[in-house]
């Protein structure tokens, strides 16, 4: 998923699933958190990928945060955090 995000946001790709959650459509945030929990938490919880697939089947759509630029023409320091 992170490599996919590198293609979508080559100028500032997210480096973790948590960072990716900030960038994507809100419908995919909770399923992505469940995946991160399954990958990195202790325990044998199961993970169901269908909700994440349903949220991302059309692509890693940005969360609707428009890119803004400062009045002096500089790009924002953290553009994906809106």
PDB file of N, CA and C in Angstrom:
ATOM      1  N   UNK A   1       0.825  -1.188   0.000  1.00  0.00           N
ATOM      2  CA  UNK A   1       0.000   0.000   0.000  1.00  0.00           C
ATOM      3  C   UNK A   1       0.870   1.252   0.000  1.00  0.00           C
ATOM      4  N   UNK A   2       1.979   1.197   0.717  1.00  0.00           N
ATOM      5  CA  UNK A   2       2.844   2.367   0.758  1.00  0.00           C
ATOM      6  C   UNK A   2       3.504   2.628  -0.594  1.00  0.00           C
ATOM      7  N   UNK A   3       3.809   1.578  -1.313  1.00  0.00           N
ATOM      8  CA  UNK A   3       4.369   1.775  -2.669  1.00  0.00           C
ATOM      9  C   UNK A   3       3.321   2.344  -3.610  1.00  0.00           C
ATOM     10  N   UNK A   4       2.090   1.912  -3.438  1.00  0.00           N
ATOM     11  CA  UNK A   4       0.984   2.461  -4.221  1.00  0.00           C
ATOM     12  C   UNK A   4       0.869   3.955  -3.921  1.00  0.00           C
ATOM     13  N   UNK A   5       0.973   4.314  -2.646  1.00  0.00           N
ATOM     14  CA  UNK A   5       0.890   5.719  -2.250  1.00  0.00           C
ATOM     15  C   UNK A   5       2.038   6.536  -2.830  1.00  0.00           C
ATOM     16  N   UNK A   6       3.208   5.927  -2.990  1.00  0.00           N
ATOM     17  CA  UNK A   6       4.339   6.636  -3.598  1.00  0.00           C
ATOM     18  C   UNK A   6       4.026   7.061  -5.022  1.00  0.00           C
ATOM     19  N   UNK A   7       3.233   6.272  -5.721  1.00  0.00           N
ATOM     20  CA  UNK A   7       2.850   6.602  -7.093  1.00  0.00           C
ATOM     21  C   UNK A   7       1.830   7.743  -7.092  1.00  0.00           C
ATOM     22  N   UNK A   8       0.915   7.714  -6.134  1.00  0.00           N
ATOM     23  CA  UNK A   8      -0.132   8.734  -6.067  1.00  0.00           C
ATOM     24  C   UNK A   8       0.426  10.073  -5.591  1.00  0.00           C
ATOM     25  N   UNK A   9       1.306  10.041  -4.602  1.00  0.00           N
ATOM     26  CA  UNK A   9       1.884  11.252  -4.023  1.00  0.00           C
ATOM     27  C   UNK A   9       3.408  11.185  -4.113  1.00  0.00           C
ATOM     28  N   UNK A  10       3.983  11.265  -5.309  1.00  0.00           N
ATOM     29  CA  UNK A  10       5.439  11.111  -5.441  1.00  0.00           C
ATOM     30  C   UNK A  10       6.232  12.236  -4.764  1.00  0.00           C
ATOM     31  N   UNK A  11       5.641  13.418  -4.653  1.00  0.00           N
ATOM     32  CA  UNK A  11       6.363  14.537  -4.059  1.00  0.00           C
ATOM     33  C   UNK A  11       6.465  14.441  -2.539  1.00  0.00           C
ATOM     34  N   UNK A  12       5.553  13.737  -1.904  1.00  0.00           N
ATOM     35  CA  UNK A  12       5.571  13.583  -0.436  1.00  0.00           C
ATOM     36  C   UNK A  12       4.821  12.315  -0.049  1.00  0.00           C
ATOM     37  N   UNK A  13       5.374  11.154  -0.358  1.00  0.00           N
ATOM     38  CA  UNK A  13       4.660   9.913  -0.067  1.00  0.00           C
ATOM     39  C   UNK A  13       4.588   9.622   1.427  1.00  0.00           C
ATOM     40  N   UNK A  14       3.466   9.075   1.890  1.00  0.00           N
ATOM     41  CA  UNK A  14       3.381   8.678   3.293  1.00  0.00           C
ATOM     42  C   UNK A  14       4.350   7.533   3.567  1.00  0.00           C
ATOM     43  N   UNK A  15       4.970   7.532   4.728  1.00  0.00           N
ATOM     44  CA  UNK A  15       5.973   6.527   5.076  1.00  0.00           C
ATOM     45  C   UNK A  15       5.469   5.477   6.046  1.00  0.00           C
ATOM     46  N   UNK A  16       4.201   5.577   6.453  1.00  0.00           N
ATOM     47  CA  UNK A  16       3.614   4.582   7.354  1.00  0.00           C
ATOM     48  C   UNK A  16       2.120   4.479   7.050  1.00  0.00           C
ATOM     49  N   UNK A  17       1.493   3.432   7.560  1.00  0.00           N
ATOM     50  CA  UNK A  17       0.053   3.305   7.352  1.00  0.00           C
ATOM     51  C   UNK A  17      -0.693   4.424   8.069  1.00  0.00           C
ATOM     52  N   UNK A  18      -0.180   4.867   9.201  1.00  0.00           N
ATOM     53  CA  UNK A  18      -0.799   5.992   9.904  1.00  0.00           C
ATOM     54  C   UNK A  18      -0.754   7.267   9.083  1.00  0.00           C
ATOM     55  N   UNK A  19       0.374   7.503   8.442  1.00  0.00           N
ATOM     56  CA  UNK A  19       0.502   8.674   7.573  1.00  0.00           C
ATOM     57  C   UNK A  19      -0.393   8.536   6.347  1.00  0.00           C
ATOM     58  N   UNK A  20      -0.532   7.332   5.855  1.00  0.00           N
ATOM     59  CA  UNK A  20      -1.415   7.097   4.714  1.00  0.00           C
ATOM     60  C   UNK A  20      -2.865   7.379   5.089  1.00  0.00           C
ATOM     61  N   UNK A  21      -3.247   7.039   6.313  1.00  0.00           N
ATOM     62  CA  UNK A  21      -4.619   7.261   6.766  1.00  0.00           C
ATOM     63  C   UNK A  21      -4.993   8.740   6.712  1.00  0.00           C
ATOM     64  N   UNK A  22      -4.019   9.622   6.888  1.00  0.00           N
ATOM     65  CA  UNK A  22      -4.274  11.062   6.816  1.00  0.00           C
ATOM     66  C   UNK A  22      -4.588  11.488   5.382  1.00  0.00           C
ATOM     67  N   UNK A  23      -4.043  10.766   4.417  1.00  0.00           N
ATOM     68  CA  UNK A  23      -4.130  11.169   3.018  1.00  0.00           C
ATOM     69  C   UNK A  23      -5.344  10.635   2.272  1.00  0.00           C
ATOM     70  N   UNK A  24      -5.929   9.559   2.747  1.00  0.00           N
ATOM     71  CA  UNK A  24      -6.943   8.868   1.961  1.00  0.00           C
ATOM     72  C   UNK A  24      -8.364   9.252   2.351  1.00  0.00           C
ATOM     73  N   UNK A  25      -9.276   8.748   1.581  1.00  0.00           N
ATOM     74  CA  UNK A  25     -10.681   8.994   1.814  1.00  0.00           C
ATOM     75  C   UNK A  25     -11.087   8.528   3.217  1.00  0.00           C
ATOM     76  N   UNK A  26     -11.938   9.256   3.912  1.00  0.00           N
ATOM     77  CA  UNK A  26     -12.305   8.905   5.284  1.00  0.00           C
ATOM     78  C   UNK A  26     -12.888   7.499   5.430  1.00  0.00           C
ATOM     79  N   UNK A  27     -13.538   6.986   4.414  1.00  0.00           N
ATOM     80  CA  UNK A  27     -14.132   5.645   4.489  1.00  0.00           C
ATOM     81  C   UNK A  27     -13.085   4.557   4.670  1.00  0.00           C
ATOM     82  N   UNK A  28     -11.847   4.819   4.299  1.00  0.00           N
ATOM     83  CA  UNK A  28     -10.794   3.809   4.384  1.00  0.00           C
ATOM     84  C   UNK A  28      -9.968   3.903   5.660  1.00  0.00           C
ATOM     85  N   UNK A  29     -10.183   4.914   6.467  1.00  0.00           N
ATOM     86  CA  UNK A  29      -9.342   5.127   7.645  1.00  0.00           C
ATOM     87  C   UNK A  29      -9.475   3.990   8.652  1.00  0.00           C
ATOM     88  N   UNK A  30     -10.668   3.654   9.037  1.00  0.00           N
ATOM     89  CA  UNK A  30     -10.856   2.595  10.039  1.00  0.00           C
ATOM     90  C   UNK A  30     -10.373   1.232   9.530  1.00  0.00           C
ATOM     91  N   UNK A  31     -10.713   0.833   8.301  1.00  0.00           N
ATOM     92  CA  UNK A  31     -10.162  -0.432   7.800  1.00  0.00           C
ATOM     93  C   UNK A  31      -8.637  -0.435   7.728  1.00  0.00           C
ATOM     94  N   UNK A  32      -8.045   0.702   7.421  1.00  0.00           N
ATOM     95  CA  UNK A  32      -6.591   0.789   7.378  1.00  0.00           C
ATOM     96  C   UNK A  32      -6.001   0.671   8.783  1.00  0.00           C
ATOM     97  N   UNK A  33      -6.657   1.268   9.766  1.00  0.00           N
ATOM     98  CA  UNK A  33      -6.218   1.127  11.154  1.00  0.00           C
ATOM     99  C   UNK A  33      -6.299  -0.330  11.593  1.00  0.00           C
ATOM    100  N   UNK A  34      -7.341  -1.034  11.169  1.00  0.00           N
ATOM    101  CA  UNK A  34      -7.476  -2.458  11.512  1.00  0.00           C
ATOM    102  C   UNK A  34      -6.337  -3.268  10.909  1.00  0.00           C
ATOM    103  N   UNK A  35      -5.935  -2.948   9.695  1.00  0.00           N
ATOM    104  CA  UNK A  35      -4.802  -3.626   9.071  1.00  0.00           C
ATOM    105  C   UNK A  35      -3.519  -3.346   9.847  1.00  0.00           C
ATOM    106  N   UNK A  36      -3.297  -2.097  10.207  1.00  0.00           N
ATOM    107  CA  UNK A  36      -2.097  -1.745  10.966  1.00  0.00           C
ATOM    108  C   UNK A  36      -2.077  -2.470  12.313  1.00  0.00           C
ATOM    109  N   UNK A  37      -3.219  -2.562  12.968  1.00  0.00           N
ATOM    110  CA  UNK A  37      -3.314  -3.280  14.231  1.00  0.00           C
ATOM    111  C   UNK A  37      -2.968  -4.749  14.041  1.00  0.00           C
ATOM    112  N   UNK A  38      -3.473  -5.346  12.982  1.00  0.00           N
ATOM    113  CA  UNK A  38      -3.195  -6.760  12.713  1.00  0.00           C
ATOM    114  C   UNK A  38      -1.713  -6.984  12.410  1.00  0.00           C
ATOM    115  N   UNK A  39      -1.097  -6.063  11.700  1.00  0.00           N
ATOM    116  CA  UNK A  39       0.300  -6.221  11.324  1.00  0.00           C
ATOM    117  C   UNK A  39       1.255  -6.013  12.488  1.00  0.00           C
ATOM    118  N   UNK A  40       0.960  -5.067  13.369  1.00  0.00           N
ATOM    119  CA  UNK A  40       1.949  -4.652  14.347  1.00  0.00           C
ATOM    120  C   UNK A  40       1.578  -4.903  15.810  1.00  0.00           C
ATOM    121  N   UNK A  41       0.353  -5.268  16.109  1.00  0.00           N
ATOM    122  CA  UNK A  41      -0.040  -5.518  17.499  1.00  0.00           C
ATOM    123  C   UNK A  41       0.206  -6.977  17.872  1.00  0.00           C
ATOM    124  N   UNK A  42       0.418  -7.177  19.130  1.00  0.00           N
ATOM    125  CA  UNK A  42       0.552  -8.558  19.605  1.00  0.00           C
ATOM    126  C   UNK A  42      -0.820  -9.207  19.619  1.00  0.00           C
ATOM    127  N   UNK A  43      -0.818 -10.495  19.472  1.00  0.00           N
ATOM    128  CA  UNK A  43      -2.090 -11.208  19.499  1.00  0.00           C
ATOM    129  C   UNK A  43      -2.414 -11.783  18.146  1.00  0.00           C
ATOM    130  N   UNK A  44      -3.410 -12.593  18.126  1.00  0.00           N
ATOM    131  CA  UNK A  44      -3.772 -13.279  16.899  1.00  0.00           C
ATOM    132  C   UNK A  44      -5.096 -12.839  16.320  1.00  0.00           C
ATOM    133  N   UNK A  45      -5.410 -11.532  16.456  1.00  0.00           N
ATOM    134  CA  UNK A  45      -6.669 -11.070  15.898  1.00  0.00           C
ATOM    135  C   UNK A  45      -6.709 -11.311  14.400  1.00  0.00           C
ATOM    136  N   UNK A  46      -7.857 -11.639  13.915  1.00  0.00           N
ATOM    137  CA  UNK A  46      -8.003 -11.826  12.474  1.00  0.00           C
ATOM    138  C   UNK A  46      -8.263 -10.475  11.816  1.00  0.00           C
ATOM    139  N   UNK A  47      -7.976 -10.420  10.544  1.00  0.00           N
ATOM    140  CA  UNK A  47      -8.210  -9.199   9.793  1.00  0.00           C
ATOM    141  C   UNK A  47      -9.042  -9.535   8.580  1.00  0.00           C
ATOM    142  N   UNK A  48     -10.043  -8.745   8.326  1.00  0.00           N
ATOM    143  CA  UNK A  48     -10.912  -8.917   7.171  1.00  0.00           C
ATOM    144  C   UNK A  48     -10.611  -7.797   6.185  1.00  0.00           C
ATOM    145  N   UNK A  49     -10.137  -8.147   5.009  1.00  0.00           N
ATOM    146  CA  UNK A  49      -9.717  -7.156   4.024  1.00  0.00           C
ATOM    147  C   UNK A  49     -10.836  -6.556   3.192  1.00  0.00           C
ATOM    148  N   UNK A  50     -12.030  -7.152   3.238  1.00  0.00           N
ATOM    149  CA  UNK A  50     -13.127  -6.660   2.394  1.00  0.00           C
ATOM    150  C   UNK A  50     -13.477  -5.193   2.646  1.00  0.00           C
ATOM    151  N   UNK A  51     -13.550  -4.728   3.897  1.00  0.00           N
ATOM    152  CA  UNK A  51     -13.867  -3.298   4.092  1.00  0.00           C
ATOM    153  C   UNK A  51     -12.810  -2.362   3.505  1.00  0.00           C
ATOM    154  N   UNK A  52     -11.551  -2.729   3.624  1.00  0.00           N
ATOM    155  CA  UNK A  52     -10.501  -1.883   3.057  1.00  0.00           C
ATOM    156  C   UNK A  52     -10.570  -1.910   1.533  1.00  0.00           C
ATOM    157  N   UNK A  53     -10.789  -3.077   0.970  1.00  0.00           N
ATOM    158  CA  UNK A  53     -10.918  -3.184  -0.488  1.00  0.00           C
ATOM    159  C   UNK A  53     -12.101  -2.352  -0.981  1.00  0.00           C
ATOM    160  N   UNK A  54     -13.227  -2.433  -0.282  1.00  0.00           N
ATOM    161  CA  UNK A  54     -14.408  -1.674  -0.696  1.00  0.00           C
ATOM    162  C   UNK A  54     -14.130  -0.169  -0.674  1.00  0.00           C
ATOM    163  N   UNK A  55     -13.359   0.285   0.313  1.00  0.00           N
ATOM    164  CA  UNK A  55     -13.069   1.710   0.427  1.00  0.00           C
ATOM    165  C   UNK A  55     -12.039   2.182  -0.599  1.00  0.00           C
ATOM    166  N   UNK A  56     -11.136   1.274  -1.017  1.00  0.00           N
ATOM    167  CA  UNK A  56     -10.041   1.684  -1.901  1.00  0.00           C
ATOM    168  C   UNK A  56     -10.104   1.092  -3.306  1.00  0.00           C
ATOM    169  N   UNK A  57     -11.175   0.406  -3.641  1.00  0.00           N
ATOM    170  CA  UNK A  57     -11.232  -0.265  -4.944  1.00  0.00           C
ATOM    171  C   UNK A  57     -11.115   0.693  -6.127  1.00  0.00           C
ATOM    172  N   UNK A  58     -11.471   1.949  -5.923  1.00  0.00           N
ATOM    173  CA  UNK A  58     -11.360   2.931  -7.002  1.00  0.00           C
ATOM    174  C   UNK A  58     -10.055   3.713  -6.947  1.00  0.00           C
ATOM    175  N   UNK A  59      -9.177   3.356  -6.026  1.00  0.00           N
ATOM    176  CA  UNK A  59      -7.879   4.019  -5.920  1.00  0.00           C
ATOM    177  C   UNK A  59      -7.691   4.722  -4.596  1.00  0.00           C
ATOM    178  N   UNK A  60      -6.496   5.187  -4.390  1.00  0.00           N
ATOM    179  CA  UNK A  60      -6.170   5.931  -3.171  1.00  0.00           C
ATOM    180  C   UNK A  60      -6.608   7.374  -3.362  1.00  0.00           C
ATOM    181  N   UNK A  61      -7.884   7.601  -3.271  1.00  0.00           N
ATOM    182  CA  UNK A  61      -8.410   8.943  -3.482  1.00  0.00           C
ATOM    183  C   UNK A  61      -7.987   9.857  -2.341  1.00  0.00           C
ATOM    184  N   UNK A  62      -7.488  11.028  -2.662  1.00  0.00           N
ATOM    185  CA  UNK A  62      -7.154  11.986  -1.610  1.00  0.00           C
ATOM    186  C   UNK A  62      -8.383  12.309  -0.769  1.00  0.00           C
ATOM    187  N   UNK A  63      -8.142  12.675   0.450  1.00  0.00           N
ATOM    188  CA  UNK A  63      -9.225  12.924   1.399  1.00  0.00           C
ATOM    189  C   UNK A  63      -9.936  14.251   1.177  1.00  0.00           C
ATOM    190  N   UNK A  64      -9.730  14.874   0.044  1.00  0.00           N
ATOM    191  CA  UNK A  64     -10.433  16.111  -0.258  1.00  0.00           C
ATOM    192  C   UNK A  64      -9.771  17.345   0.318  1.00  0.00           C
ATOM    193  N   UNK A  65      -8.518  17.254   0.670  1.00  0.00           N
ATOM    194  CA  UNK A  65      -7.794  18.411   1.185  1.00  0.00           C
ATOM    195  C   UNK A  65      -7.145  19.128   0.004  1.00  0.00           C
ATOM    196  N   UNK A  66      -7.626  20.284  -0.327  1.00  0.00           N
ATOM    197  CA  UNK A  66      -7.025  20.990  -1.465  1.00  0.00           C
ATOM    198  C   UNK A  66      -5.614  21.442  -1.132  1.00  0.00           C
ATOM    199  N   UNK A  67      -4.773  21.435  -2.150  1.00  0.00           N
ATOM    200  CA  UNK A  67      -3.418  21.928  -1.960  1.00  0.00           C
ATOM    201  C   UNK A  67      -3.474  23.451  -1.868  1.00  0.00           C
ATOM    202  N   UNK A  68      -2.816  23.981  -0.878  1.00  0.00           N
ATOM    203  CA  UNK A  68      -2.785  25.425  -0.721  1.00  0.00           C
ATOM    204  C   UNK A  68      -1.341  25.895  -0.759  1.00  0.00           C
ATOM    205  N   UNK A  69      -1.155  27.092  -1.214  1.00  0.00           N
ATOM    206  CA  UNK A  69       0.166  27.675  -1.277  1.00  0.00           C
ATOM    207  C   UNK A  69       0.139  28.997  -0.528  1.00  0.00           C
ATOM    208  N   UNK A  70       1.210  29.305   0.124  1.00  0.00           N
ATOM    209  CA  UNK A  70       1.319  30.559   0.846  1.00  0.00           C
ATOM    210  C   UNK A  70       1.331  31.720  -0.145  1.00  0.00           C
ATOM    211  N   UNK A  71       1.047  32.909   0.360  1.00  0.00           N
ATOM    212  CA  UNK A  71       0.976  34.086  -0.499  1.00  0.00           C
ATOM    213  C   UNK A  71       2.308  34.357  -1.199  1.00  0.00           C
ATOM    214  N   UNK A  72       3.434  33.955  -0.578  1.00  0.00           N
ATOM    215  CA  UNK A  72       4.724  34.212  -1.191  1.00  0.00           C
ATOM    216  C   UNK A  72       5.127  33.128  -2.182  1.00  0.00           C
ATOM    217  N   UNK A  73       4.243  32.164  -2.454  1.00  0.00           N
ATOM    218  CA  UNK A  73       4.521  31.145  -3.449  1.00  0.00           C
ATOM    219  C   UNK A  73       5.161  29.890  -2.914  1.00  0.00           C
ATOM    220  N   UNK A  74       5.459  29.843  -1.638  1.00  0.00           N
ATOM    221  CA  UNK A  74       6.051  28.645  -1.066  1.00  0.00           C
ATOM    222  C   UNK A  74       4.996  27.565  -0.859  1.00  0.00           C
ATOM    223  N   UNK A  75       5.383  26.346  -1.107  1.00  0.00           N
ATOM    224  CA  UNK A  75       4.477  25.230  -0.863  1.00  0.00           C
ATOM    225  C   UNK A  75       4.349  25.024   0.637  1.00  0.00           C
ATOM    226  N   UNK A  76       3.204  24.479   1.116  1.00  0.00           N
ATOM    227  CA  UNK A  76       3.053  24.233   2.541  1.00  0.00           C
ATOM    228  C   UNK A  76       4.059  23.204   3.036  1.00  0.00           C
ATOM    229  N   UNK A  77       4.462  23.322   4.294  1.00  0.00           N
ATOM    230  CA  UNK A  77       5.447  22.419   4.865  1.00  0.00           C
ATOM    231  C   UNK A  77       4.915  20.992   4.964  1.00  0.00           C
ATOM    232  N   UNK A  78       3.667  20.833   5.352  1.00  0.00           N
ATOM    233  CA  UNK A  78       3.031  19.518   5.466  1.00  0.00           C
ATOM    234  C   UNK A  78       1.754  19.516   4.626  1.00  0.00           C
ATOM    235  N   UNK A  79       1.845  19.375   3.315  1.00  0.00           N
ATOM    236  CA  UNK A  79       0.670  19.544   2.462  1.00  0.00           C
ATOM    237  C   UNK A  79      -0.399  18.484   2.661  1.00  0.00           C
ATOM    238  N   UNK A  80      -0.051  17.313   3.129  1.00  0.00           N
ATOM    239  CA  UNK A  80      -1.035  16.245   3.264  1.00  0.00           C
ATOM    240  C   UNK A  80      -1.824  16.337   4.550  1.00  0.00           C
ATOM    241  N   UNK A  81      -1.437  17.197   5.453  1.00  0.00           N
ATOM    242  CA  UNK A  81      -2.144  17.336   6.718  1.00  0.00           C
ATOM    243  C   UNK A  81      -3.190  18.438   6.674  1.00  0.00           C
ATOM    244  N   UNK A  82      -3.309  19.093   5.539  1.00  0.00           N
ATOM    245  CA  UNK A  82      -4.326  20.088   5.309  1.00  0.00           C
ATOM    246  C   UNK A  82      -4.385  21.144   6.317  1.00  0.00           C
TER     247      UNK A  82
END
